[in-house]
């Protein structure tokens, strides 16, 4: 069920327009991703890892490896192979959705990746690297957890 919804969200995207419609509000989505990820680590009492390596399903104990090409359509695969950092996040999202099908309590954590997925859905683009999240503006990731763990949530529904 969760995996099917995630696949529909990914495979119904027009990948040819990704990156053609950047918006300043995309930075708010990046902020909210980092805040939600920090909350995950706080709630799970886990030592934070850099966002680039934050595979929530794996952090929750999932040992399965999800290969994007086993699930996504040709256009998605081509884009996600070309944009490795975006592909990494989408792979984490798919793995968590698949894990959630077997462990429904993990469903609340699917929202962590939602802001980054929305950026792509809107035609924007993000580059997540070890020390920066680049979305229209550059968000340095040194000390990211400490900076975002106590931040207020942003309502992203109307962004």
C-alpha atoms as a PDB file:
ATOM      1  CA  UNK A   1       0.000   0.000   0.000  1.00  0.00           C
ATOM      2  CA  UNK A   2       2.642   2.576   1.029  1.00  0.00           C
ATOM      3  CA  UNK A   3       5.056   1.359  -1.613  1.00  0.00           C
ATOM      4  CA  UNK A   4       2.330   1.572  -4.264  1.00  0.00           C
ATOM      5  CA  UNK A   5       1.567   5.180  -3.269  1.00  0.00           C
ATOM      6  CA  UNK A   6       5.250   6.092  -3.353  1.00  0.00           C
ATOM      7  CA  UNK A   7       5.683   4.483  -6.767  1.00  0.00           C
ATOM      8  CA  UNK A   8       2.649   6.277  -8.131  1.00  0.00           C
ATOM      9  CA  UNK A   9       4.053   9.555  -6.870  1.00  0.00           C
ATOM     10  CA  UNK A  10       7.412   8.895  -8.532  1.00  0.00           C
ATOM     11  CA  UNK A  11       6.306   7.251 -11.758  1.00  0.00           C
ATOM     12  CA  UNK A  12       3.573   9.799 -12.551  1.00  0.00           C
ATOM     13  CA  UNK A  13       6.065  12.677 -12.495  1.00  0.00           C
ATOM     14  CA  UNK A  14       7.088  14.429 -15.712  1.00  0.00           C
ATOM     15  CA  UNK A  15      10.837  14.122 -15.207  1.00  0.00           C
ATOM     16  CA  UNK A  16      11.620  16.358 -18.190  1.00  0.00           C
ATOM     17  CA  UNK A  17      10.540  19.483 -16.281  1.00  0.00           C
ATOM     18  CA  UNK A  18      12.510  18.834 -13.092  1.00  0.00           C
ATOM     19  CA  UNK A  19      14.844  21.739 -12.440  1.00  0.00           C
ATOM     20  CA  UNK A  20      13.006  24.068 -14.811  1.00  0.00           C
ATOM     21  CA  UNK A  21      10.880  25.803 -12.184  1.00  0.00           C
ATOM     22  CA  UNK A  22      12.995  26.727  -9.155  1.00  0.00           C
ATOM     23  CA  UNK A  23      11.231  28.761  -6.503  1.00  0.00           C
ATOM     24  CA  UNK A  24      12.450  30.615  -3.438  1.00  0.00           C
ATOM     25  CA  UNK A  25       9.814  28.714  -1.443  1.00  0.00           C
ATOM     26  CA  UNK A  26      11.764  25.521  -2.189  1.00  0.00           C
ATOM     27  CA  UNK A  27      14.233  26.667   0.475  1.00  0.00           C
ATOM     28  CA  UNK A  28      11.384  26.462   3.011  1.00  0.00           C
ATOM     29  CA  UNK A  29      10.830  22.867   1.947  1.00  0.00           C
ATOM     30  CA  UNK A  30      14.526  22.148   2.474  1.00  0.00           C
ATOM     31  CA  UNK A  31      14.327  23.739   5.928  1.00  0.00           C
ATOM     32  CA  UNK A  32      11.322  21.567   6.791  1.00  0.00           C
ATOM     33  CA  UNK A  33      13.082  18.402   5.594  1.00  0.00           C
ATOM     34  CA  UNK A  34      16.021  19.119   7.906  1.00  0.00           C
ATOM     35  CA  UNK A  35      13.699  19.932  10.819  1.00  0.00           C
ATOM     36  CA  UNK A  36      11.705  16.706  10.329  1.00  0.00           C
ATOM     37  CA  UNK A  37      14.869  14.658  10.022  1.00  0.00           C
ATOM     38  CA  UNK A  38      16.218  16.171  13.245  1.00  0.00           C
ATOM     39  CA  UNK A  39      12.926  15.288  14.954  1.00  0.00           C
ATOM     40  CA  UNK A  40      13.256  11.693  13.748  1.00  0.00           C
ATOM     41  CA  UNK A  41      16.678  11.370  15.390  1.00  0.00           C
ATOM     42  CA  UNK A  42      15.399  12.997  18.575  1.00  0.00           C
ATOM     43  CA  UNK A  43      12.290  10.770  18.784  1.00  0.00           C
ATOM     44  CA  UNK A  44      14.298   7.626  18.066  1.00  0.00           C
ATOM     45  CA  UNK A  45      17.095   8.647  20.468  1.00  0.00           C
ATOM     46  CA  UNK A  46      19.624   7.941  17.740  1.00  0.00           C
ATOM     47  CA  UNK A  47      22.870   9.715  17.059  1.00  0.00           C
ATOM     48  CA  UNK A  48      22.271  11.969  14.035  1.00  0.00           C
ATOM     49  CA  UNK A  49      24.019  11.129  10.786  1.00  0.00           C
ATOM     50  CA  UNK A  50      24.518  13.544   7.891  1.00  0.00           C
ATOM     51  CA  UNK A  51      21.268  13.963   5.912  1.00  0.00           C
ATOM     52  CA  UNK A  52      22.925  12.417   2.848  1.00  0.00           C
ATOM     53  CA  UNK A  53      23.194   9.128   4.761  1.00  0.00           C
ATOM     54  CA  UNK A  54      19.852   9.316   6.584  1.00  0.00           C
ATOM     55  CA  UNK A  55      18.225   6.135   5.319  1.00  0.00           C
ATOM     56  CA  UNK A  56      15.393   6.012   7.841  1.00  0.00           C
ATOM     57  CA  UNK A  57      14.302   2.460   7.005  1.00  0.00           C
ATOM     58  CA  UNK A  58      17.827   1.213   7.614  1.00  0.00           C
ATOM     59  CA  UNK A  59      18.080   3.258  10.814  1.00  0.00           C
ATOM     60  CA  UNK A  60      14.859   1.572  11.970  1.00  0.00           C
ATOM     61  CA  UNK A  61      16.412  -1.852  11.364  1.00  0.00           C
ATOM     62  CA  UNK A  62      15.502  -2.686   7.760  1.00  0.00           C
ATOM     63  CA  UNK A  63      18.249  -4.724   6.130  1.00  0.00           C
ATOM     64  CA  UNK A  64      16.677  -4.964   2.682  1.00  0.00           C
ATOM     65  CA  UNK A  65      18.233  -3.051  -0.193  1.00  0.00           C
ATOM     66  CA  UNK A  66      15.877  -1.330  -2.619  1.00  0.00           C
ATOM     67  CA  UNK A  67      17.133  -0.888  -6.165  1.00  0.00           C
ATOM     68  CA  UNK A  68      15.270   1.960  -7.872  1.00  0.00           C
ATOM     69  CA  UNK A  69      15.481   0.329 -11.289  1.00  0.00           C
ATOM     70  CA  UNK A  70      13.425  -2.596  -9.958  1.00  0.00           C
ATOM     71  CA  UNK A  71      10.488  -0.283  -9.247  1.00  0.00           C
ATOM     72  CA  UNK A  72      10.518   2.883 -11.325  1.00  0.00           C
ATOM     73  CA  UNK A  73       9.701   3.674 -14.931  1.00  0.00           C
ATOM     74  CA  UNK A  74      12.359   4.442 -17.534  1.00  0.00           C
ATOM     75  CA  UNK A  75      12.117   8.246 -17.239  1.00  0.00           C
ATOM     76  CA  UNK A  76      12.461   8.163 -13.464  1.00  0.00           C
ATOM     77  CA  UNK A  77      15.392   5.746 -13.638  1.00  0.00           C
ATOM     78  CA  UNK A  78      17.241   7.885 -16.189  1.00  0.00           C
ATOM     79  CA  UNK A  79      16.788  11.046 -14.137  1.00  0.00           C
ATOM     80  CA  UNK A  80      17.608   9.453 -10.787  1.00  0.00           C
ATOM     81  CA  UNK A  81      20.685   7.730 -12.221  1.00  0.00           C
ATOM     82  CA  UNK A  82      21.878  11.050 -13.627  1.00  0.00           C
ATOM     83  CA  UNK A  83      21.132  12.991 -10.428  1.00  0.00           C
ATOM     84  CA  UNK A  84      22.799  10.655  -7.924  1.00  0.00           C
ATOM     85  CA  UNK A  85      22.015  12.719  -4.823  1.00  0.00           C
ATOM     86  CA  UNK A  86      18.332  13.011  -5.702  1.00  0.00           C
ATOM     87  CA  UNK A  87      18.341   9.305  -6.551  1.00  0.00           C
ATOM     88  CA  UNK A  88      19.737   8.490  -3.128  1.00  0.00           C
ATOM     89  CA  UNK A  89      16.875  10.317  -1.381  1.00  0.00           C
ATOM     90  CA  UNK A  90      14.245   8.710  -3.611  1.00  0.00           C
ATOM     91  CA  UNK A  91      15.802   5.310  -2.903  1.00  0.00           C
ATOM     92  CA  UNK A  92      15.538   5.969   0.839  1.00  0.00           C
ATOM     93  CA  UNK A  93      11.917   7.040   0.358  1.00  0.00           C
ATOM     94  CA  UNK A  94      11.048   3.852  -1.558  1.00  0.00           C
ATOM     95  CA  UNK A  95      12.830   1.657   0.973  1.00  0.00           C
ATOM     96  CA  UNK A  96      10.946   3.303   3.833  1.00  0.00           C
ATOM     97  CA  UNK A  97       7.628   2.913   1.989  1.00  0.00           C
ATOM     98  CA  UNK A  98       8.337  -0.785   1.432  1.00  0.00           C
ATOM     99  CA  UNK A  99       9.429  -1.195   5.067  1.00  0.00           C
ATOM    100  CA  UNK A 100       6.249   0.577   6.192  1.00  0.00           C
ATOM    101  CA  UNK A 101       4.102  -1.965   4.343  1.00  0.00           C
ATOM    102  CA  UNK A 102       5.469  -4.558   6.792  1.00  0.00           C
ATOM    103  CA  UNK A 103       5.832  -2.193   9.765  1.00  0.00           C
ATOM    104  CA  UNK A 104       2.911   0.283   9.695  1.00  0.00           C
ATOM    105  CA  UNK A 105       4.186   2.184  12.741  1.00  0.00           C
ATOM    106  CA  UNK A 106       6.971   3.562  10.530  1.00  0.00           C
ATOM    107  CA  UNK A 107       4.379   5.394   8.404  1.00  0.00           C
ATOM    108  CA  UNK A 108       4.847   8.613  10.376  1.00  0.00           C
ATOM    109  CA  UNK A 109       8.407   8.866   9.083  1.00  0.00           C
ATOM    110  CA  UNK A 110       7.436   8.904   5.397  1.00  0.00           C
ATOM    111  CA  UNK A 111       6.678  12.595   5.950  1.00  0.00           C
ATOM    112  CA  UNK A 112      10.353  13.278   6.612  1.00  0.00           C
ATOM    113  CA  UNK A 113      11.197  12.926   2.920  1.00  0.00           C
ATOM    114  CA  UNK A 114       8.009  14.636   1.719  1.00  0.00           C
ATOM    115  CA  UNK A 115       9.440  18.183   1.469  1.00  0.00           C
ATOM    116  CA  UNK A 116      12.227  17.044  -0.868  1.00  0.00           C
ATOM    117  CA  UNK A 117       9.801  14.996  -2.963  1.00  0.00           C
ATOM    118  CA  UNK A 118       7.592  18.100  -3.269  1.00  0.00           C
ATOM    119  CA  UNK A 119      10.485  20.150  -4.613  1.00  0.00           C
ATOM    120  CA  UNK A 120      10.858  17.688  -7.475  1.00  0.00           C
ATOM    121  CA  UNK A 121       7.097  17.465  -8.035  1.00  0.00           C
ATOM    122  CA  UNK A 122       6.949  21.259  -8.429  1.00  0.00           C
ATOM    123  CA  UNK A 123       9.682  21.289 -11.054  1.00  0.00           C
ATOM    124  CA  UNK A 124      12.454  22.348  -8.698  1.00  0.00           C
ATOM    125  CA  UNK A 125      15.686  20.563  -7.943  1.00  0.00           C
ATOM    126  CA  UNK A 126      17.828  19.954  -4.887  1.00  0.00           C
ATOM    127  CA  UNK A 127      21.387  18.750  -4.500  1.00  0.00           C
ATOM    128  CA  UNK A 128      22.042  17.023  -1.187  1.00  0.00           C
ATOM    129  CA  UNK A 129      25.727  16.560  -0.453  1.00  0.00           C
ATOM    130  CA  UNK A 130      27.626  15.670   2.675  1.00  0.00           C
ATOM    131  CA  UNK A 131      28.062  19.266   3.857  1.00  0.00           C
ATOM    132  CA  UNK A 132      25.355  21.184   2.003  1.00  0.00           C
ATOM    133  CA  UNK A 133      21.809  21.147   0.759  1.00  0.00           C
ATOM    134  CA  UNK A 134      21.574  23.283  -2.343  1.00  0.00           C
ATOM    135  CA  UNK A 135      18.050  24.434  -3.241  1.00  0.00           C
ATOM    136  CA  UNK A 136      17.958  27.867  -4.860  1.00  0.00           C
ATOM    137  CA  UNK A 137      19.986  28.874  -1.778  1.00  0.00           C
ATOM    138  CA  UNK A 138      22.777  26.926  -0.125  1.00  0.00           C
ATOM    139  CA  UNK A 139      22.069  25.464   3.311  1.00  0.00           C
ATOM    140  CA  UNK A 140      25.334  24.445   5.023  1.00  0.00           C
ATOM    141  CA  UNK A 141      24.982  21.190   6.935  1.00  0.00           C
ATOM    142  CA  UNK A 142      27.729  21.633   9.523  1.00  0.00           C
ATOM    143  CA  UNK A 143      25.917  21.284  12.848  1.00  0.00           C
ATOM    144  CA  UNK A 144      22.600  20.794  11.035  1.00  0.00           C
ATOM    145  CA  UNK A 145      21.030  18.713  13.811  1.00  0.00           C
ATOM    146  CA  UNK A 146      21.685  21.247  16.541  1.00  0.00           C
ATOM    147  CA  UNK A 147      20.369  24.051  14.334  1.00  0.00           C
ATOM    148  CA  UNK A 148      17.122  22.309  13.359  1.00  0.00           C
ATOM    149  CA  UNK A 149      16.077  20.046  16.247  1.00  0.00           C
ATOM    150  CA  UNK A 150      14.258  22.820  18.145  1.00  0.00           C
ATOM    151  CA  UNK A 151      12.970  24.795  15.151  1.00  0.00           C
ATOM    152  CA  UNK A 152       9.270  25.412  14.666  1.00  0.00           C
ATOM    153  CA  UNK A 153       7.487  23.470  11.936  1.00  0.00           C
ATOM    154  CA  UNK A 154       6.602  25.256   8.718  1.00  0.00           C
ATOM    155  CA  UNK A 155       3.195  24.688   7.139  1.00  0.00           C
ATOM    156  CA  UNK A 156       4.184  23.447   3.694  1.00  0.00           C
ATOM    157  CA  UNK A 157       0.705  22.582   2.449  1.00  0.00           C
ATOM    158  CA  UNK A 158       0.300  25.856   0.550  1.00  0.00           C
ATOM    159  CA  UNK A 159       3.877  26.341  -0.616  1.00  0.00           C
END
